[in-house]
Amino acid sequence: MDLVVGRVVKSHGIRGEVVVDVRTDEPDVRFARDSVLRGRLPRGGGEREFTVTAAREHSGRLLVSLAGVSDRGTADALRGTLFLIDSSQVEPSDDPDEFYDHELEGVAVQLGDGTAIGVVESVLHLPGGELLSVRTTDGREVLIPFVREIVPSVSRELIVIDPPDGLLNPDSLDGAP
């Protein structure tokens, strides 16, 4: 399974640097000089490997230089590229409150009273915070804010939620309109 460690947000300057939205706790390792990154190109452009030639922080963001990307036009074409690693390259966290996205995908979601809601399909990382994309038992997708007030219990086996009124339509889980 692939894990996203970064996403190209945009180009920076005229020498081909790209701004990367970092999605790893180890950016110094993943984006170190001479690291080889597997990139999934946007718009169905396939995959290719990139070698990091330099990386630096700038205004709270990571700027990365890649071999063969030496001008703004080439860097602009990489916008939306996802940098990936294989999940086998990471060890599970020892912290019981930390999870990799792939560890939560496929985990059952239920209410505190045991009512089955569905299964986590993915974890979405948005500027406003993380969301759990849950496929409900009746086939709908429900987006659940991944905050302690709504998701009080998380494990690799079961996620218990306490949704506010209106987040879920519990009647529709029974098949009622």
N, C-alpha and C. Protein backbone atom coordinates (compact mmCIF):
# COMPACT_ATOMS: atom_id res chain seq x y z
N MET A 1 0.83 -1.17 0.00
CA MET A 1 0.00 0.00 0.00
C MET A 1 0.89 1.24 0.00
N ASP A 2 0.47 2.24 -0.75
CA ASP A 2 1.23 3.49 -0.85
C ASP A 2 0.83 4.47 0.24
N LEU A 3 1.81 5.18 0.76
CA LEU A 3 1.59 6.27 1.70
C LEU A 3 2.08 7.55 1.06
N VAL A 4 1.30 8.61 1.19
CA VAL A 4 1.69 9.91 0.66
C VAL A 4 2.56 10.60 1.70
N VAL A 5 3.76 11.02 1.30
CA VAL A 5 4.66 11.74 2.20
C VAL A 5 4.75 13.22 1.83
N GLY A 6 4.16 13.59 0.70
CA GLY A 6 4.16 14.99 0.30
C GLY A 6 3.39 15.19 -0.99
N ARG A 7 3.00 16.46 -1.21
CA ARG A 7 2.28 16.81 -2.44
C ARG A 7 2.82 18.14 -2.94
N VAL A 8 3.10 18.21 -4.24
CA VAL A 8 3.58 19.46 -4.83
C VAL A 8 2.42 20.44 -4.91
N VAL A 9 2.59 21.57 -4.23
CA VAL A 9 1.55 22.60 -4.20
C VAL A 9 1.67 23.53 -5.39
N LYS A 10 2.93 23.96 -5.67
CA LYS A 10 3.17 24.90 -6.76
C LYS A 10 4.66 25.01 -6.99
N SER A 11 5.02 25.76 -8.02
CA SER A 11 6.43 26.04 -8.25
C SER A 11 6.84 27.23 -7.40
N HIS A 12 8.15 27.40 -7.25
CA HIS A 12 8.67 28.55 -6.48
C HIS A 12 9.88 29.10 -7.23
N GLY A 13 9.81 30.35 -7.59
CA GLY A 13 10.93 30.98 -8.28
C GLY A 13 11.07 30.50 -9.71
N ILE A 14 12.24 30.80 -10.30
CA ILE A 14 12.47 30.49 -11.71
C ILE A 14 13.45 29.34 -11.94
N ARG A 15 13.97 28.75 -10.86
CA ARG A 15 14.99 27.71 -10.99
C ARG A 15 14.45 26.29 -10.80
N GLY A 16 13.14 26.14 -10.77
CA GLY A 16 12.56 24.80 -10.73
C GLY A 16 12.25 24.23 -9.36
N GLU A 17 12.38 25.03 -8.30
CA GLU A 17 12.00 24.52 -6.99
C GLU A 17 10.49 24.33 -6.93
N VAL A 18 10.06 23.37 -6.11
CA VAL A 18 8.63 23.15 -5.88
C VAL A 18 8.33 23.30 -4.40
N VAL A 19 7.15 23.83 -4.11
CA VAL A 19 6.66 23.92 -2.74
C VAL A 19 5.95 22.61 -2.44
N VAL A 20 6.34 21.95 -1.34
CA VAL A 20 5.78 20.66 -1.00
C VAL A 20 4.98 20.76 0.29
N ASP A 21 3.73 20.27 0.23
CA ASP A 21 2.90 20.11 1.42
C ASP A 21 3.35 18.79 2.04
N VAL A 22 4.05 18.87 3.17
CA VAL A 22 4.66 17.69 3.80
C VAL A 22 3.60 16.90 4.55
N ARG A 23 3.60 15.59 4.34
CA ARG A 23 2.66 14.69 5.01
C ARG A 23 3.41 13.53 5.67
N THR A 24 4.53 13.86 6.28
CA THR A 24 5.32 12.86 6.98
C THR A 24 5.91 13.49 8.23
N ASP A 25 6.14 12.68 9.24
CA ASP A 25 6.79 13.17 10.45
C ASP A 25 8.30 13.21 10.27
N GLU A 26 8.79 12.71 9.16
CA GLU A 26 10.23 12.64 8.92
C GLU A 26 10.63 13.35 7.62
N PRO A 27 10.32 14.63 7.49
CA PRO A 27 10.68 15.30 6.23
C PRO A 27 12.18 15.36 5.99
N ASP A 28 12.98 15.43 7.08
CA ASP A 28 14.44 15.48 6.91
C ASP A 28 14.98 14.18 6.32
N VAL A 29 14.29 13.08 6.56
CA VAL A 29 14.69 11.79 6.01
C VAL A 29 14.12 11.61 4.60
N ARG A 30 12.81 11.82 4.45
CA ARG A 30 12.14 11.57 3.17
C ARG A 30 12.60 12.52 2.07
N PHE A 31 12.95 13.77 2.43
CA PHE A 31 13.33 14.76 1.42
C PHE A 31 14.80 15.16 1.55
N ALA A 32 15.62 14.24 2.06
CA ALA A 32 17.06 14.49 2.19
C ALA A 32 17.71 14.50 0.81
N ARG A 33 18.82 15.21 0.70
CA ARG A 33 19.58 15.25 -0.55
C ARG A 33 19.89 13.82 -1.01
N ASP A 34 19.72 13.56 -2.29
CA ASP A 34 19.95 12.27 -2.95
C ASP A 34 18.87 11.22 -2.66
N SER A 35 17.82 11.59 -1.90
CA SER A 35 16.69 10.66 -1.71
C SER A 35 15.97 10.50 -3.04
N VAL A 36 15.52 9.29 -3.29
CA VAL A 36 14.74 9.03 -4.50
C VAL A 36 13.28 8.90 -4.08
N LEU A 37 12.44 9.74 -4.69
CA LEU A 37 11.01 9.75 -4.39
C LEU A 37 10.23 9.20 -5.57
N ARG A 38 9.22 8.41 -5.27
CA ARG A 38 8.31 7.94 -6.30
C ARG A 38 7.18 8.96 -6.37
N GLY A 39 6.95 9.51 -7.54
CA GLY A 39 5.93 10.53 -7.70
C GLY A 39 4.80 10.06 -8.60
N ARG A 40 3.57 10.23 -8.12
CA ARG A 40 2.38 9.96 -8.94
C ARG A 40 1.95 11.29 -9.54
N LEU A 41 2.10 11.40 -10.85
CA LEU A 41 1.83 12.65 -11.55
C LEU A 41 0.33 12.91 -11.62
N PRO A 42 -0.05 14.19 -11.67
CA PRO A 42 -1.48 14.53 -11.72
C PRO A 42 -2.11 14.18 -13.07
N ARG A 43 -3.41 14.18 -13.06
CA ARG A 43 -4.22 13.98 -14.28
C ARG A 43 -3.86 12.69 -15.01
N GLY A 44 -3.64 11.63 -14.25
CA GLY A 44 -3.38 10.33 -14.86
C GLY A 44 -2.07 10.25 -15.61
N GLY A 45 -1.09 11.06 -15.20
CA GLY A 45 0.20 11.09 -15.88
C GLY A 45 1.15 9.97 -15.53
N GLY A 46 0.68 9.02 -14.73
CA GLY A 46 1.52 7.88 -14.37
C GLY A 46 2.45 8.20 -13.21
N GLU A 47 3.48 7.37 -13.08
CA GLU A 47 4.45 7.55 -12.00
C GLU A 47 5.85 7.69 -12.58
N ARG A 48 6.70 8.39 -11.83
CA ARG A 48 8.12 8.46 -12.18
C ARG A 48 8.92 8.72 -10.92
N GLU A 49 10.20 8.47 -11.00
CA GLU A 49 11.07 8.69 -9.85
C GLU A 49 11.73 10.05 -9.95
N PHE A 50 11.91 10.67 -8.79
CA PHE A 50 12.57 11.97 -8.69
C PHE A 50 13.69 11.85 -7.66
N THR A 51 14.84 12.48 -7.95
CA THR A 51 15.94 12.52 -6.99
C THR A 51 16.02 13.93 -6.42
N VAL A 52 16.01 14.01 -5.10
CA VAL A 52 16.10 15.30 -4.40
C VAL A 52 17.54 15.80 -4.49
N THR A 53 17.70 17.03 -4.97
CA THR A 53 19.03 17.64 -5.01
C THR A 53 19.22 18.64 -3.88
N ALA A 54 18.12 19.16 -3.34
CA ALA A 54 18.18 20.08 -2.21
C ALA A 54 16.78 20.24 -1.62
N ALA A 55 16.72 20.57 -0.34
CA ALA A 55 15.46 20.87 0.32
C ALA A 55 15.74 21.89 1.41
N ARG A 56 14.83 22.84 1.55
CA ARG A 56 15.00 23.86 2.57
C ARG A 56 13.64 24.39 3.00
N GLU A 57 13.60 24.88 4.24
CA GLU A 57 12.37 25.51 4.72
C GLU A 57 12.35 26.95 4.31
N HIS A 58 11.16 27.43 3.98
CA HIS A 58 10.99 28.83 3.61
C HIS A 58 9.57 29.24 4.00
N SER A 59 9.47 30.16 4.94
CA SER A 59 8.17 30.66 5.40
C SER A 59 7.23 29.53 5.83
N GLY A 60 7.77 28.55 6.56
CA GLY A 60 6.94 27.47 7.07
C GLY A 60 6.60 26.38 6.07
N ARG A 61 7.18 26.44 4.89
CA ARG A 61 6.94 25.41 3.88
C ARG A 61 8.26 24.80 3.45
N LEU A 62 8.17 23.64 2.82
CA LEU A 62 9.36 22.97 2.34
C LEU A 62 9.53 23.24 0.85
N LEU A 63 10.68 23.76 0.48
CA LEU A 63 11.03 23.97 -0.92
C LEU A 63 11.98 22.85 -1.31
N VAL A 64 11.68 22.17 -2.41
CA VAL A 64 12.47 21.02 -2.84
C VAL A 64 12.95 21.23 -4.27
N SER A 65 14.23 20.92 -4.48
CA SER A 65 14.80 20.92 -5.83
C SER A 65 14.97 19.47 -6.25
N LEU A 66 14.58 19.17 -7.49
CA LEU A 66 14.62 17.81 -8.01
C LEU A 66 15.51 17.76 -9.24
N ALA A 67 16.27 16.69 -9.38
CA ALA A 67 17.11 16.50 -10.56
C ALA A 67 16.24 16.54 -11.81
N GLY A 68 16.68 17.28 -12.81
CA GLY A 68 15.96 17.36 -14.08
C GLY A 68 14.84 18.39 -14.09
N VAL A 69 14.61 19.05 -12.98
CA VAL A 69 13.58 20.09 -12.90
C VAL A 69 14.32 21.40 -12.63
N SER A 70 14.60 22.14 -13.72
CA SER A 70 15.49 23.29 -13.58
C SER A 70 14.86 24.62 -13.99
N ASP A 71 13.55 24.60 -14.31
CA ASP A 71 12.91 25.86 -14.67
C ASP A 71 11.46 25.87 -14.16
N ARG A 72 10.89 27.04 -14.16
CA ARG A 72 9.54 27.22 -13.62
C ARG A 72 8.50 26.40 -14.39
N GLY A 73 8.60 26.33 -15.68
CA GLY A 73 7.63 25.59 -16.48
C GLY A 73 7.60 24.11 -16.14
N THR A 74 8.77 23.51 -15.99
CA THR A 74 8.85 22.09 -15.63
C THR A 74 8.30 21.88 -14.23
N ALA A 75 8.62 22.80 -13.32
CA ALA A 75 8.12 22.71 -11.94
C ALA A 75 6.60 22.88 -11.91
N ASP A 76 6.08 23.82 -12.69
CA ASP A 76 4.62 24.04 -12.75
C ASP A 76 3.89 22.78 -13.19
N ALA A 77 4.48 22.03 -14.10
CA ALA A 77 3.84 20.81 -14.61
C ALA A 77 3.72 19.73 -13.53
N LEU A 78 4.47 19.88 -12.45
CA LEU A 78 4.43 18.88 -11.37
C LEU A 78 3.37 19.21 -10.31
N ARG A 79 2.70 20.34 -10.43
CA ARG A 79 1.68 20.72 -9.45
C ARG A 79 0.68 19.57 -9.27
N GLY A 80 0.46 19.19 -8.03
CA GLY A 80 -0.46 18.09 -7.73
C GLY A 80 0.20 16.73 -7.64
N THR A 81 1.48 16.64 -7.97
CA THR A 81 2.19 15.36 -7.89
C THR A 81 2.25 14.90 -6.44
N LEU A 82 1.95 13.62 -6.21
CA LEU A 82 2.03 13.04 -4.88
C LEU A 82 3.33 12.25 -4.77
N PHE A 83 4.09 12.49 -3.69
CA PHE A 83 5.29 11.71 -3.42
C PHE A 83 4.89 10.56 -2.51
N LEU A 84 5.26 9.33 -2.92
CA LEU A 84 4.78 8.12 -2.26
C LEU A 84 5.91 7.25 -1.74
N ILE A 85 5.61 6.52 -0.68
CA ILE A 85 6.48 5.45 -0.22
C ILE A 85 5.60 4.23 0.02
N ASP A 86 6.20 3.06 0.10
CA ASP A 86 5.46 1.85 0.41
C ASP A 86 5.27 1.77 1.91
N SER A 87 4.08 1.37 2.36
CA SER A 87 3.78 1.32 3.80
C SER A 87 4.71 0.37 4.54
N SER A 88 5.31 -0.57 3.84
CA SER A 88 6.24 -1.50 4.51
C SER A 88 7.52 -0.78 4.96
N GLN A 89 7.74 0.45 4.48
CA GLN A 89 8.93 1.20 4.86
C GLN A 89 8.78 1.93 6.20
N VAL A 90 7.61 1.85 6.81
CA VAL A 90 7.40 2.54 8.09
C VAL A 90 6.99 1.54 9.16
N GLU A 91 7.49 1.77 10.35
CA GLU A 91 7.14 0.94 11.50
C GLU A 91 5.90 1.51 12.16
N PRO A 92 5.02 0.67 12.69
CA PRO A 92 3.86 1.19 13.42
C PRO A 92 4.34 2.02 14.61
N SER A 93 3.59 3.04 14.94
CA SER A 93 3.94 3.91 16.05
C SER A 93 3.72 3.19 17.38
N ASP A 94 4.59 3.47 18.34
CA ASP A 94 4.42 2.93 19.68
C ASP A 94 3.40 3.74 20.47
N ASP A 95 3.10 4.95 20.02
CA ASP A 95 2.14 5.81 20.70
C ASP A 95 0.73 5.34 20.36
N PRO A 96 -0.08 4.98 21.37
CA PRO A 96 -1.43 4.48 21.08
C PRO A 96 -2.36 5.53 20.48
N ASP A 97 -1.97 6.81 20.53
CA ASP A 97 -2.81 7.86 19.96
C ASP A 97 -2.33 8.34 18.59
N GLU A 98 -1.35 7.67 18.02
CA GLU A 98 -0.86 8.03 16.69
C GLU A 98 -1.09 6.89 15.72
N PHE A 99 -1.59 7.25 14.53
CA PHE A 99 -1.89 6.25 13.52
C PHE A 99 -1.47 6.77 12.15
N TYR A 100 -1.00 5.88 11.32
CA TYR A 100 -0.81 6.21 9.92
C TYR A 100 -2.16 6.03 9.24
N ASP A 101 -2.38 6.80 8.19
CA ASP A 101 -3.66 6.72 7.48
C ASP A 101 -4.00 5.29 7.10
N HIS A 102 -3.03 4.56 6.56
CA HIS A 102 -3.30 3.21 6.07
C HIS A 102 -3.71 2.26 7.20
N GLU A 103 -3.34 2.59 8.45
CA GLU A 103 -3.72 1.74 9.57
C GLU A 103 -5.21 1.89 9.92
N LEU A 104 -5.81 3.00 9.52
CA LEU A 104 -7.22 3.25 9.82
C LEU A 104 -8.15 2.85 8.68
N GLU A 105 -7.61 2.71 7.48
CA GLU A 105 -8.44 2.34 6.33
C GLU A 105 -8.93 0.91 6.51
N GLY A 106 -10.24 0.73 6.41
CA GLY A 106 -10.84 -0.59 6.59
C GLY A 106 -11.29 -0.87 8.02
N VAL A 107 -11.04 0.06 8.94
CA VAL A 107 -11.44 -0.13 10.33
C VAL A 107 -12.93 0.18 10.48
N ALA A 108 -13.63 -0.65 11.25
CA ALA A 108 -15.06 -0.48 11.50
C ALA A 108 -15.31 0.77 12.34
N VAL A 109 -16.43 1.44 12.04
CA VAL A 109 -16.86 2.63 12.78
C VAL A 109 -18.22 2.34 13.37
N GLN A 110 -18.37 2.68 14.65
CA GLN A 110 -19.67 2.46 15.30
C GLN A 110 -19.94 3.57 16.30
N LEU A 111 -21.21 3.66 16.70
CA LEU A 111 -21.60 4.59 17.75
C LEU A 111 -21.25 3.98 19.11
N GLY A 112 -21.30 4.80 20.14
CA GLY A 112 -20.99 4.32 21.48
C GLY A 112 -21.89 3.20 21.96
N ASP A 113 -23.12 3.13 21.41
CA ASP A 113 -24.04 2.06 21.82
C ASP A 113 -23.85 0.78 21.01
N GLY A 114 -22.85 0.79 20.13
CA GLY A 114 -22.55 -0.41 19.34
C GLY A 114 -23.18 -0.44 17.96
N THR A 115 -23.98 0.57 17.62
CA THR A 115 -24.61 0.62 16.29
C THR A 115 -23.54 0.76 15.22
N ALA A 116 -23.52 -0.15 14.28
CA ALA A 116 -22.54 -0.11 13.18
C ALA A 116 -22.86 1.05 12.25
N ILE A 117 -21.85 1.83 11.93
CA ILE A 117 -22.00 2.96 11.01
C ILE A 117 -21.40 2.61 9.65
N GLY A 118 -20.23 2.00 9.65
CA GLY A 118 -19.58 1.66 8.38
C GLY A 118 -18.12 1.37 8.59
N VAL A 119 -17.33 1.70 7.54
CA VAL A 119 -15.90 1.39 7.52
C VAL A 119 -15.15 2.61 6.98
N VAL A 120 -14.00 2.91 7.55
CA VAL A 120 -13.17 4.02 7.07
C VAL A 120 -12.60 3.65 5.70
N GLU A 121 -12.87 4.52 4.72
CA GLU A 121 -12.28 4.33 3.39
C GLU A 121 -10.96 5.05 3.26
N SER A 122 -10.89 6.27 3.84
CA SER A 122 -9.65 7.04 3.76
C SER A 122 -9.66 8.14 4.80
N VAL A 123 -8.47 8.70 5.03
CA VAL A 123 -8.32 9.86 5.90
C VAL A 123 -7.96 11.02 4.99
N LEU A 124 -8.75 12.08 5.06
CA LEU A 124 -8.52 13.25 4.21
C LEU A 124 -7.84 14.33 5.03
N HIS A 125 -6.77 14.89 4.48
CA HIS A 125 -6.02 15.96 5.15
C HIS A 125 -6.33 17.26 4.43
N LEU A 126 -7.14 18.09 5.07
CA LEU A 126 -7.55 19.35 4.48
C LEU A 126 -7.01 20.51 5.32
N PRO A 127 -6.97 21.71 4.77
CA PRO A 127 -6.44 22.84 5.54
C PRO A 127 -7.14 23.04 6.88
N GLY A 128 -8.43 22.71 6.97
CA GLY A 128 -9.18 22.89 8.21
C GLY A 128 -9.02 21.75 9.19
N GLY A 129 -8.37 20.68 8.80
CA GLY A 129 -8.18 19.53 9.68
C GLY A 129 -8.42 18.23 8.94
N GLU A 130 -8.35 17.13 9.69
CA GLU A 130 -8.52 15.81 9.09
C GLU A 130 -9.98 15.37 9.15
N LEU A 131 -10.38 14.62 8.13
CA LEU A 131 -11.71 14.03 8.06
C LEU A 131 -11.57 12.54 7.80
N LEU A 132 -12.45 11.76 8.42
CA LEU A 132 -12.55 10.35 8.10
C LEU A 132 -13.62 10.20 7.03
N SER A 133 -13.28 9.61 5.91
CA SER A 133 -14.26 9.28 4.89
C SER A 133 -14.75 7.87 5.20
N VAL A 134 -16.03 7.79 5.60
CA VAL A 134 -16.60 6.53 6.04
C VAL A 134 -17.66 6.07 5.04
N ARG A 135 -17.56 4.82 4.60
CA ARG A 135 -18.58 4.20 3.75
C ARG A 135 -19.56 3.56 4.71
N THR A 136 -20.79 4.08 4.73
CA THR A 136 -21.79 3.60 5.68
C THR A 136 -22.32 2.23 5.28
N THR A 137 -23.03 1.61 6.20
CA THR A 137 -23.57 0.28 5.94
C THR A 137 -24.57 0.28 4.79
N ASP A 138 -25.16 1.46 4.49
CA ASP A 138 -26.08 1.53 3.36
C ASP A 138 -25.43 2.10 2.10
N GLY A 139 -24.08 2.20 2.10
CA GLY A 139 -23.35 2.57 0.89
C GLY A 139 -23.08 4.04 0.69
N ARG A 140 -23.53 4.90 1.61
CA ARG A 140 -23.25 6.34 1.47
C ARG A 140 -21.85 6.66 1.98
N GLU A 141 -21.31 7.80 1.53
CA GLU A 141 -20.07 8.31 2.08
C GLU A 141 -20.42 9.41 3.08
N VAL A 142 -19.84 9.32 4.28
CA VAL A 142 -20.04 10.33 5.30
C VAL A 142 -18.66 10.83 5.71
N LEU A 143 -18.50 12.14 5.78
CA LEU A 143 -17.24 12.74 6.21
C LEU A 143 -17.36 13.14 7.67
N ILE A 144 -16.47 12.59 8.49
CA ILE A 144 -16.53 12.80 9.93
C ILE A 144 -15.28 13.54 10.37
N PRO A 145 -15.45 14.74 10.98
CA PRO A 145 -14.27 15.46 11.48
C PRO A 145 -13.51 14.59 12.47
N PHE A 146 -12.21 14.44 12.25
CA PHE A 146 -11.38 13.58 13.08
C PHE A 146 -10.85 14.39 14.26
N VAL A 147 -11.77 14.70 15.19
CA VAL A 147 -11.45 15.44 16.40
C VAL A 147 -11.96 14.64 17.59
N ARG A 148 -11.30 14.80 18.73
CA ARG A 148 -11.61 14.00 19.92
C ARG A 148 -13.08 14.13 20.37
N GLU A 149 -13.68 15.30 20.19
CA GLU A 149 -15.07 15.51 20.60
C GLU A 149 -16.03 14.61 19.83
N ILE A 150 -15.71 14.29 18.59
CA ILE A 150 -16.58 13.48 17.74
C ILE A 150 -16.07 12.05 17.63
N VAL A 151 -14.76 11.88 17.71
CA VAL A 151 -14.14 10.55 17.62
C VAL A 151 -13.38 10.29 18.92
N PRO A 152 -14.11 9.91 19.99
CA PRO A 152 -13.45 9.76 21.30
C PRO A 152 -12.59 8.52 21.45
N SER A 153 -12.80 7.50 20.61
CA SER A 153 -12.07 6.25 20.77
C SER A 153 -11.59 5.75 19.42
N VAL A 154 -10.26 5.58 19.31
CA VAL A 154 -9.67 5.11 18.06
C VAL A 154 -8.68 3.99 18.37
N SER A 155 -8.80 2.91 17.64
CA SER A 155 -7.80 1.85 17.69
C SER A 155 -7.66 1.30 16.28
N ARG A 156 -6.74 0.41 16.09
CA ARG A 156 -6.54 -0.20 14.77
C ARG A 156 -7.62 -1.23 14.47
N GLU A 157 -8.47 -1.52 15.47
CA GLU A 157 -9.55 -2.51 15.29
C GLU A 157 -10.93 -1.89 15.24
N LEU A 158 -11.13 -0.73 15.91
CA LEU A 158 -12.47 -0.14 16.01
C LEU A 158 -12.37 1.36 16.29
N ILE A 159 -13.24 2.12 15.62
CA ILE A 159 -13.36 3.55 15.87
C ILE A 159 -14.78 3.81 16.37
N VAL A 160 -14.87 4.46 17.54
CA VAL A 160 -16.17 4.79 18.11
C VAL A 160 -16.37 6.29 17.94
N ILE A 161 -17.56 6.67 17.44
CA ILE A 161 -17.85 8.08 17.23
C ILE A 161 -19.04 8.52 18.07
N ASP A 162 -19.06 9.82 18.37
CA ASP A 162 -20.17 10.46 19.09
C ASP A 162 -20.54 11.69 18.27
N PRO A 163 -21.27 11.48 17.16
CA PRO A 163 -21.54 12.58 16.23
C PRO A 163 -22.58 13.55 16.76
N PRO A 164 -22.44 14.84 16.46
CA PRO A 164 -23.48 15.80 16.83
C PRO A 164 -24.70 15.56 15.94
N ASP A 165 -25.84 16.04 16.41
CA ASP A 165 -27.08 15.91 15.63
C ASP A 165 -26.86 16.47 14.23
N GLY A 166 -27.30 15.72 13.24
CA GLY A 166 -27.23 16.17 11.85
C GLY A 166 -26.01 15.68 11.09
N LEU A 167 -24.94 15.28 11.80
CA LEU A 167 -23.76 14.79 11.08
C LEU A 167 -24.08 13.48 10.37
N LEU A 168 -24.75 12.62 11.07
CA LEU A 168 -25.23 11.37 10.48
C LEU A 168 -26.75 11.46 10.49
N ASN A 169 -27.36 10.74 9.61
CA ASN A 169 -28.80 10.62 9.65
C ASN A 169 -29.08 9.19 10.10
N PRO A 170 -29.10 8.92 11.43
CA PRO A 170 -29.22 7.54 11.91
C PRO A 170 -30.44 6.82 11.37
N ASP A 171 -31.52 7.56 11.09
CA ASP A 171 -32.72 6.90 10.55
C ASP A 171 -32.43 6.23 9.22
N SER A 172 -31.55 6.85 8.42
CA SER A 172 -31.27 6.27 7.10
C SER A 172 -30.43 5.01 7.21
N LEU A 173 -29.75 4.82 8.36
CA LEU A 173 -28.98 3.59 8.54
C LEU A 173 -29.88 2.39 8.71
N ASP A 174 -31.11 2.64 9.19
CA ASP A 174 -32.08 1.56 9.35
C ASP A 174 -32.83 1.28 8.05
N GLY A 175 -32.59 2.11 7.04
CA GLY A 175 -33.30 1.95 5.78
C GLY A 175 -34.52 2.85 5.69
N ALA A 176 -34.82 3.61 6.78
CA ALA A 176 -35.95 4.53 6.75
C ALA A 176 -35.56 5.78 6.00
N PRO A 177 -36.51 6.48 5.39
CA PRO A 177 -36.18 7.71 4.65
C PRO A 177 -35.72 8.84 5.49
